């Protein structure tokens, strides 16, 4: 059951995305398990929409800890509490 969760694969095995900084147009690398990154060119904070979706399942899914593993679950929960 846990391997079938639509968001679980992106949490357990992060993928990298190249986004453009909305401020200066510089390419920014962001992993699917990162909430935000700072543009190395201008310092603008680029947010990861996918991360916010992943965080939401950590809030309500009763299987979240079993799904992604205890260590990663605690890491993601800590980030969401900050």
PDB file of N, CA and C in Angstrom:
ATOM      1  N   UNK A   1       0.812  -1.199   0.000  1.00  0.00           N
ATOM      2  CA  UNK A   1       0.000   0.000   0.000  1.00  0.00           C
ATOM      3  C   UNK A   1       0.854   1.260   0.000  1.00  0.00           C
ATOM      4  N   UNK A   2       1.926   1.260   0.749  1.00  0.00           N
ATOM      5  CA  UNK A   2       2.715   2.473   0.896  1.00  0.00           C
ATOM      6  C   UNK A   2       3.441   2.848  -0.391  1.00  0.00           C
ATOM      7  N   UNK A   3       3.792   1.864  -1.201  1.00  0.00           N
ATOM      8  CA  UNK A   3       4.466   2.163  -2.463  1.00  0.00           C
ATOM      9  C   UNK A   3       3.504   2.719  -3.508  1.00  0.00           C
ATOM     10  N   UNK A   4       2.220   2.645  -3.262  1.00  0.00           N
ATOM     11  CA  UNK A   4       1.227   3.110  -4.221  1.00  0.00           C
ATOM     12  C   UNK A   4       0.843   4.573  -4.023  1.00  0.00           C
ATOM     13  N   UNK A   5       1.265   5.171  -2.944  1.00  0.00           N
ATOM     14  CA  UNK A   5       0.920   6.565  -2.665  1.00  0.00           C
ATOM     15  C   UNK A   5       1.465   7.450  -3.784  1.00  0.00           C
ATOM     16  N   UNK A   6       0.630   8.334  -4.347  1.00  0.00           N
ATOM     17  CA  UNK A   6       1.070   9.167  -5.469  1.00  0.00           C
ATOM     18  C   UNK A   6       2.261  10.070  -5.158  1.00  0.00           C
ATOM     19  N   UNK A   7       2.378  10.535  -3.940  1.00  0.00           N
ATOM     20  CA  UNK A   7       3.465  11.442  -3.606  1.00  0.00           C
ATOM     21  C   UNK A   7       4.677  10.773  -3.005  1.00  0.00           C
ATOM     22  N   UNK A   8       4.553   9.516  -2.621  1.00  0.00           N
ATOM     23  CA  UNK A   8       5.621   8.840  -1.889  1.00  0.00           C
ATOM     24  C   UNK A   8       6.922   8.740  -2.678  1.00  0.00           C
ATOM     25  N   UNK A   9       6.841   8.470  -3.952  1.00  0.00           N
ATOM     26  CA  UNK A   9       8.057   8.317  -4.756  1.00  0.00           C
ATOM     27  C   UNK A   9       8.873   9.598  -4.770  1.00  0.00           C
ATOM     28  N   UNK A  10       8.216  10.741  -4.838  1.00  0.00           N
ATOM     29  CA  UNK A  10       8.923  12.023  -4.856  1.00  0.00           C
ATOM     30  C   UNK A  10       9.533  12.361  -3.501  1.00  0.00           C
ATOM     31  N   UNK A  11       8.990  11.782  -2.458  1.00  0.00           N
ATOM     32  CA  UNK A  11       9.518  12.037  -1.123  1.00  0.00           C
ATOM     33  C   UNK A  11      10.710  11.131  -0.851  1.00  0.00           C
ATOM     34  N   UNK A  12      10.536   9.827  -1.124  1.00  0.00           N
ATOM     35  CA  UNK A  12      11.606   8.865  -0.824  1.00  0.00           C
ATOM     36  C   UNK A  12      12.782   8.989  -1.776  1.00  0.00           C
ATOM     37  N   UNK A  13      12.515   9.311  -3.026  1.00  0.00           N
ATOM     38  CA  UNK A  13      13.568   9.449  -4.028  1.00  0.00           C
ATOM     39  C   UNK A  13      13.399  10.811  -4.691  1.00  0.00           C
ATOM     40  N   UNK A  14      13.996  11.839  -4.107  1.00  0.00           N
ATOM     41  CA  UNK A  14      13.821  13.195  -4.642  1.00  0.00           C
ATOM     42  C   UNK A  14      14.302  13.316  -6.089  1.00  0.00           C
ATOM     43  N   UNK A  15      13.586  14.115  -6.843  1.00  0.00           N
ATOM     44  CA  UNK A  15      13.973  14.408  -8.216  1.00  0.00           C
ATOM     45  C   UNK A  15      14.412  15.869  -8.289  1.00  0.00           C
ATOM     46  N   UNK A  16      15.236  16.153  -9.267  1.00  0.00           N
ATOM     47  CA  UNK A  16      15.732  17.522  -9.417  1.00  0.00           C
ATOM     48  C   UNK A  16      14.984  18.198 -10.564  1.00  0.00           C
ATOM     49  N   UNK A  17      14.700  19.460 -10.369  1.00  0.00           N
ATOM     50  CA  UNK A  17      14.032  20.267 -11.375  1.00  0.00           C
ATOM     51  C   UNK A  17      14.855  21.519 -11.616  1.00  0.00           C
ATOM     52  N   UNK A  18      14.896  21.951 -12.844  1.00  0.00           N
ATOM     53  CA  UNK A  18      15.532  23.212 -13.189  1.00  0.00           C
ATOM     54  C   UNK A  18      14.412  24.230 -13.390  1.00  0.00           C
ATOM     55  N   UNK A  19      14.438  25.284 -12.591  1.00  0.00           N
ATOM     56  CA  UNK A  19      13.442  26.348 -12.710  1.00  0.00           C
ATOM     57  C   UNK A  19      14.170  27.638 -13.044  1.00  0.00           C
ATOM     58  N   UNK A  20      13.440  28.584 -13.569  1.00  0.00           N
ATOM     59  CA  UNK A  20      14.015  29.911 -13.821  1.00  0.00           C
ATOM     60  C   UNK A  20      13.652  30.818 -12.664  1.00  0.00           C
ATOM     61  N   UNK A  21      14.623  31.563 -12.199  1.00  0.00           N
ATOM     62  CA  UNK A  21      14.375  32.541 -11.150  1.00  0.00           C
ATOM     63  C   UNK A  21      13.435  33.598 -11.723  1.00  0.00           C
ATOM     64  N   UNK A  22      12.314  33.848 -11.047  1.00  0.00           N
ATOM     65  CA  UNK A  22      11.380  34.847 -11.563  1.00  0.00           C
ATOM     66  C   UNK A  22      11.922  36.274 -11.509  1.00  0.00           C
ATOM     67  N   UNK A  23      12.959  36.474 -10.731  1.00  0.00           N
ATOM     68  CA  UNK A  23      13.531  37.817 -10.580  1.00  0.00           C
ATOM     69  C   UNK A  23      14.544  38.135 -11.685  1.00  0.00           C
ATOM     70  N   UNK A  24      15.486  37.197 -11.936  1.00  0.00           N
ATOM     71  CA  UNK A  24      16.570  37.506 -12.883  1.00  0.00           C
ATOM     72  C   UNK A  24      16.652  36.553 -14.076  1.00  0.00           C
ATOM     73  N   UNK A  25      15.894  35.435 -14.052  1.00  0.00           N
ATOM     74  CA  UNK A  25      15.912  34.498 -15.169  1.00  0.00           C
ATOM     75  C   UNK A  25      16.993  33.437 -15.096  1.00  0.00           C
ATOM     76  N   UNK A  26      17.839  33.485 -14.088  1.00  0.00           N
ATOM     77  CA  UNK A  26      18.903  32.488 -13.904  1.00  0.00           C
ATOM     78  C   UNK A  26      18.285  31.111 -13.650  1.00  0.00           C
ATOM     79  N   UNK A  27      18.939  30.052 -14.151  1.00  0.00           N
ATOM     80  CA  UNK A  27      18.471  28.698 -13.870  1.00  0.00           C
ATOM     81  C   UNK A  27      18.805  28.337 -12.428  1.00  0.00           C
ATOM     82  N   UNK A  28      17.836  27.725 -11.750  1.00  0.00           N
ATOM     83  CA  UNK A  28      17.983  27.344 -10.349  1.00  0.00           C
ATOM     84  C   UNK A  28      17.624  25.868 -10.232  1.00  0.00           C
ATOM     85  N   UNK A  29      18.483  25.077  -9.571  1.00  0.00           N
ATOM     86  CA  UNK A  29      18.191  23.668  -9.336  1.00  0.00           C
ATOM     87  C   UNK A  29      17.457  23.531  -8.012  1.00  0.00           C
ATOM     88  N   UNK A  30      16.357  22.778  -8.031  1.00  0.00           N
ATOM     89  CA  UNK A  30      15.610  22.546  -6.800  1.00  0.00           C
ATOM     90  C   UNK A  30      15.154  21.088  -6.774  1.00  0.00           C
ATOM     91  N   UNK A  31      15.372  20.434  -5.643  1.00  0.00           N
ATOM     92  CA  UNK A  31      14.953  19.050  -5.477  1.00  0.00           C
ATOM     93  C   UNK A  31      13.507  19.003  -4.993  1.00  0.00           C
ATOM     94  N   UNK A  32      12.828  17.910  -5.314  1.00  0.00           N
ATOM     95  CA  UNK A  32      11.412  17.779  -4.968  1.00  0.00           C
ATOM     96  C   UNK A  32      11.168  17.776  -3.461  1.00  0.00           C
ATOM     97  N   UNK A  33      12.206  17.504  -2.660  1.00  0.00           N
ATOM     98  CA  UNK A  33      12.013  17.507  -1.204  1.00  0.00           C
ATOM     99  C   UNK A  33      12.472  18.816  -0.554  1.00  0.00           C
ATOM    100  N   UNK A  34      12.787  19.820  -1.363  1.00  0.00           N
ATOM    101  CA  UNK A  34      13.187  21.125  -0.840  1.00  0.00           C
ATOM    102  C   UNK A  34      12.021  22.101  -0.938  1.00  0.00           C
ATOM    103  N   UNK A  35      11.854  22.896   0.093  1.00  0.00           N
ATOM    104  CA  UNK A  35      10.778  23.875   0.109  1.00  0.00           C
ATOM    105  C   UNK A  35      11.148  25.107  -0.708  1.00  0.00           C
ATOM    106  N   UNK A  36      12.417  25.499  -0.647  1.00  0.00           N
ATOM    107  CA  UNK A  36      12.857  26.708  -1.333  1.00  0.00           C
ATOM    108  C   UNK A  36      14.361  26.660  -1.551  1.00  0.00           C
ATOM    109  N   UNK A  37      14.819  27.432  -2.518  1.00  0.00           N
ATOM    110  CA  UNK A  37      16.251  27.619  -2.744  1.00  0.00           C
ATOM    111  C   UNK A  37      16.492  29.092  -3.045  1.00  0.00           C
ATOM    112  N   UNK A  38      17.706  29.512  -2.785  1.00  0.00           N
ATOM    113  CA  UNK A  38      18.092  30.893  -3.055  1.00  0.00           C
ATOM    114  C   UNK A  38      18.818  30.935  -4.396  1.00  0.00           C
ATOM    115  N   UNK A  39      18.422  31.854  -5.248  1.00  0.00           N
ATOM    116  CA  UNK A  39      19.078  32.030  -6.541  1.00  0.00           C
ATOM    117  C   UNK A  39      20.516  32.465  -6.300  1.00  0.00           C
ATOM    118  N   UNK A  40      21.448  31.762  -6.913  1.00  0.00           N
ATOM    119  CA  UNK A  40      22.867  32.086  -6.715  1.00  0.00           C
ATOM    120  C   UNK A  40      23.262  33.387  -7.407  1.00  0.00           C
ATOM    121  N   UNK A  41      22.449  33.840  -8.348  1.00  0.00           N
ATOM    122  CA  UNK A  41      22.756  35.061  -9.074  1.00  0.00           C
ATOM    123  C   UNK A  41      22.273  36.325  -8.351  1.00  0.00           C
ATOM    124  N   UNK A  42      21.005  36.303  -7.906  1.00  0.00           N
ATOM    125  CA  UNK A  42      20.436  37.530  -7.330  1.00  0.00           C
ATOM    126  C   UNK A  42      19.971  37.389  -5.880  1.00  0.00           C
ATOM    127  N   UNK A  43      19.944  36.146  -5.364  1.00  0.00           N
ATOM    128  CA  UNK A  43      19.535  35.936  -3.979  1.00  0.00           C
ATOM    129  C   UNK A  43      18.036  35.794  -3.769  1.00  0.00           C
ATOM    130  N   UNK A  44      17.252  35.876  -4.836  1.00  0.00           N
ATOM    131  CA  UNK A  44      15.796  35.736  -4.732  1.00  0.00           C
ATOM    132  C   UNK A  44      15.452  34.322  -4.262  1.00  0.00           C
ATOM    133  N   UNK A  45      14.440  34.183  -3.408  1.00  0.00           N
ATOM    134  CA  UNK A  45      14.009  32.876  -2.930  1.00  0.00           C
ATOM    135  C   UNK A  45      12.999  32.293  -3.919  1.00  0.00           C
ATOM    136  N   UNK A  46      13.336  31.117  -4.461  1.00  0.00           N
ATOM    137  CA  UNK A  46      12.472  30.413  -5.401  1.00  0.00           C
ATOM    138  C   UNK A  46      11.799  29.279  -4.634  1.00  0.00           C
ATOM    139  N   UNK A  47      10.471  29.251  -4.653  1.00  0.00           N
ATOM    140  CA  UNK A  47       9.712  28.250  -3.900  1.00  0.00           C
ATOM    141  C   UNK A  47       9.348  27.062  -4.773  1.00  0.00           C
ATOM    142  N   UNK A  48       9.232  25.923  -4.139  1.00  0.00           N
ATOM    143  CA  UNK A  48       8.900  24.681  -4.814  1.00  0.00           C
ATOM    144  C   UNK A  48       7.446  24.330  -4.527  1.00  0.00           C
ATOM    145  N   UNK A  49       6.604  24.444  -5.511  1.00  0.00           N
ATOM    146  CA  UNK A  49       5.180  24.151  -5.348  1.00  0.00           C
ATOM    147  C   UNK A  49       4.967  22.678  -5.011  1.00  0.00           C
ATOM    148  N   UNK A  50       5.708  21.777  -5.658  1.00  0.00           N
ATOM    149  CA  UNK A  50       5.573  20.338  -5.402  1.00  0.00           C
ATOM    150  C   UNK A  50       5.854  20.027  -3.938  1.00  0.00           C
ATOM    151  N   UNK A  51       6.864  20.661  -3.354  1.00  0.00           N
ATOM    152  CA  UNK A  51       7.198  20.420  -1.948  1.00  0.00           C
ATOM    153  C   UNK A  51       6.009  20.745  -1.061  1.00  0.00           C
ATOM    154  N   UNK A  52       5.330  21.828  -1.344  1.00  0.00           N
ATOM    155  CA  UNK A  52       4.172  22.211  -0.535  1.00  0.00           C
ATOM    156  C   UNK A  52       3.076  21.157  -0.608  1.00  0.00           C
ATOM    157  N   UNK A  53       2.894  20.539  -1.776  1.00  0.00           N
ATOM    158  CA  UNK A  53       1.921  19.455  -1.912  1.00  0.00           C
ATOM    159  C   UNK A  53       2.342  18.247  -1.087  1.00  0.00           C
ATOM    160  N   UNK A  54       3.639  17.927  -1.104  1.00  0.00           N
ATOM    161  CA  UNK A  54       4.138  16.796  -0.328  1.00  0.00           C
ATOM    162  C   UNK A  54       3.967  17.042   1.161  1.00  0.00           C
ATOM    163  N   UNK A  55       4.240  18.264   1.568  1.00  0.00           N
ATOM    164  CA  UNK A  55       4.091  18.606   2.977  1.00  0.00           C
ATOM    165  C   UNK A  55       2.662  18.397   3.443  1.00  0.00           C
ATOM    166  N   UNK A  56       1.705  18.681   2.580  1.00  0.00           N
ATOM    167  CA  UNK A  56       0.315  18.569   3.004  1.00  0.00           C
ATOM    168  C   UNK A  56      -0.044  17.141   3.384  1.00  0.00           C
ATOM    169  N   UNK A  57       0.454  16.155   2.660  1.00  0.00           N
ATOM    170  CA  UNK A  57       0.119  14.772   3.015  1.00  0.00           C
ATOM    171  C   UNK A  57       0.776  14.376   4.334  1.00  0.00           C
ATOM    172  N   UNK A  58       1.891  14.985   4.666  1.00  0.00           N
ATOM    173  CA  UNK A  58       2.528  14.716   5.960  1.00  0.00           C
ATOM    174  C   UNK A  58       1.636  15.194   7.106  1.00  0.00           C
ATOM    175  N   UNK A  59       0.808  16.174   6.841  1.00  0.00           N
ATOM    176  CA  UNK A  59      -0.063  16.740   7.865  1.00  0.00           C
ATOM    177  C   UNK A  59      -1.275  15.855   8.156  1.00  0.00           C
ATOM    178  N   UNK A  60      -1.838  15.227   7.137  1.00  0.00           N
ATOM    179  CA  UNK A  60      -3.108  14.536   7.352  1.00  0.00           C
ATOM    180  C   UNK A  60      -3.078  13.026   7.185  1.00  0.00           C
ATOM    181  N   UNK A  61      -2.112  12.486   6.452  1.00  0.00           N
ATOM    182  CA  UNK A  61      -2.124  11.050   6.162  1.00  0.00           C
ATOM    183  C   UNK A  61      -1.655  10.240   7.366  1.00  0.00           C
ATOM    184  N   UNK A  62      -2.488   9.318   7.817  1.00  0.00           N
ATOM    185  CA  UNK A  62      -2.124   8.529   8.994  1.00  0.00           C
ATOM    186  C   UNK A  62      -1.011   7.527   8.694  1.00  0.00           C
ATOM    187  N   UNK A  63      -0.710   7.285   7.423  1.00  0.00           N
ATOM    188  CA  UNK A  63       0.347   6.360   7.039  1.00  0.00           C
ATOM    189  C   UNK A  63       1.644   7.069   6.655  1.00  0.00           C
ATOM    190  N   UNK A  64       1.685   8.372   6.764  1.00  0.00           N
ATOM    191  CA  UNK A  64       2.824   9.156   6.274  1.00  0.00           C
ATOM    192  C   UNK A  64       4.161   8.671   6.828  1.00  0.00           C
ATOM    193  N   UNK A  65       4.240   8.444   8.126  1.00  0.00           N
ATOM    194  CA  UNK A  65       5.516   8.024   8.717  1.00  0.00           C
ATOM    195  C   UNK A  65       5.947   6.663   8.182  1.00  0.00           C
ATOM    196  N   UNK A  66       5.021   5.731   8.062  1.00  0.00           N
ATOM    197  CA  UNK A  66       5.348   4.409   7.523  1.00  0.00           C
ATOM    198  C   UNK A  66       5.682   4.504   6.034  1.00  0.00           C
ATOM    199  N   UNK A  67       5.036   5.396   5.359  1.00  0.00           N
ATOM    200  CA  UNK A  67       5.194   5.540   3.914  1.00  0.00           C
ATOM    201  C   UNK A  67       6.590   6.028   3.535  1.00  0.00           C
ATOM    202  N   UNK A  68       7.068   7.058   4.213  1.00  0.00           N
ATOM    203  CA  UNK A  68       8.350   7.659   3.831  1.00  0.00           C
ATOM    204  C   UNK A  68       9.500   7.260   4.745  1.00  0.00           C
ATOM    205  N   UNK A  69       9.193   6.627   5.863  1.00  0.00           N
ATOM    206  CA  UNK A  69      10.231   6.232   6.812  1.00  0.00           C
ATOM    207  C   UNK A  69      10.342   7.242   7.949  1.00  0.00           C
ATOM    208  N   UNK A  70      10.705   6.742   9.118  1.00  0.00           N
ATOM    209  CA  UNK A  70      10.723   7.567  10.325  1.00  0.00           C
ATOM    210  C   UNK A  70      11.659   8.770  10.218  1.00  0.00           C
ATOM    211  N   UNK A  71      12.874   8.552   9.725  1.00  0.00           N
ATOM    212  CA  UNK A  71      13.865   9.635   9.666  1.00  0.00           C
ATOM    213  C   UNK A  71      13.412  10.773   8.746  1.00  0.00           C
ATOM    214  N   UNK A  72      12.988  10.429   7.545  1.00  0.00           N
ATOM    215  CA  UNK A  72      12.549  11.449   6.592  1.00  0.00           C
ATOM    216  C   UNK A  72      11.267  12.125   7.072  1.00  0.00           C
ATOM    217  N   UNK A  73      10.378  11.350   7.669  1.00  0.00           N
ATOM    218  CA  UNK A  73       9.138  11.913   8.208  1.00  0.00           C
ATOM    219  C   UNK A  73       9.446  12.988   9.244  1.00  0.00           C
ATOM    220  N   UNK A  74      10.351  12.686  10.166  1.00  0.00           N
ATOM    221  CA  UNK A  74      10.712  13.655  11.209  1.00  0.00           C
ATOM    222  C   UNK A  74      11.356  14.899  10.599  1.00  0.00           C
ATOM    223  N   UNK A  75      12.201  14.697   9.590  1.00  0.00           N
ATOM    224  CA  UNK A  75      12.863  15.819   8.916  1.00  0.00           C
ATOM    225  C   UNK A  75      11.830  16.739   8.255  1.00  0.00           C
ATOM    226  N   UNK A  76      10.888  16.150   7.539  1.00  0.00           N
ATOM    227  CA  UNK A  76       9.871  16.942   6.848  1.00  0.00           C
ATOM    228  C   UNK A  76       8.922  17.616   7.829  1.00  0.00           C
ATOM    229  N   UNK A  77       8.562  16.924   8.893  1.00  0.00           N
ATOM    230  CA  UNK A  77       7.683  17.519   9.902  1.00  0.00           C
ATOM    231  C   UNK A  77       8.374  18.690  10.601  1.00  0.00           C
ATOM    232  N   UNK A  78       9.672  18.536  10.858  1.00  0.00           N
ATOM    233  CA  UNK A  78      10.428  19.615  11.505  1.00  0.00           C
ATOM    234  C   UNK A  78      10.416  20.856  10.620  1.00  0.00           C
ATOM    235  N   UNK A  79      10.641  20.668   9.319  1.00  0.00           N
ATOM    236  CA  UNK A  79      10.628  21.797   8.379  1.00  0.00           C
ATOM    237  C   UNK A  79       9.273  22.484   8.357  1.00  0.00           C
ATOM    238  N   UNK A  80       8.203  21.700   8.420  1.00  0.00           N
ATOM    239  CA  UNK A  80       6.867  22.298   8.340  1.00  0.00           C
ATOM    240  C   UNK A  80       6.507  23.048   9.617  1.00  0.00           C
ATOM    241  N   UNK A  81       7.137  22.693  10.729  1.00  0.00           N
ATOM    242  CA  UNK A  81       6.872  23.370  11.997  1.00  0.00           C
ATOM    243  C   UNK A  81       7.640  24.678  12.132  1.00  0.00           C
ATOM    244  N   UNK A  82       8.635  24.894  11.272  1.00  0.00           N
ATOM    245  CA  UNK A  82       9.477  26.102  11.371  1.00  0.00           C
ATOM    246  C   UNK A  82       8.764  27.316  10.833  1.00  0.00           C
TER     247      UNK A  82
END
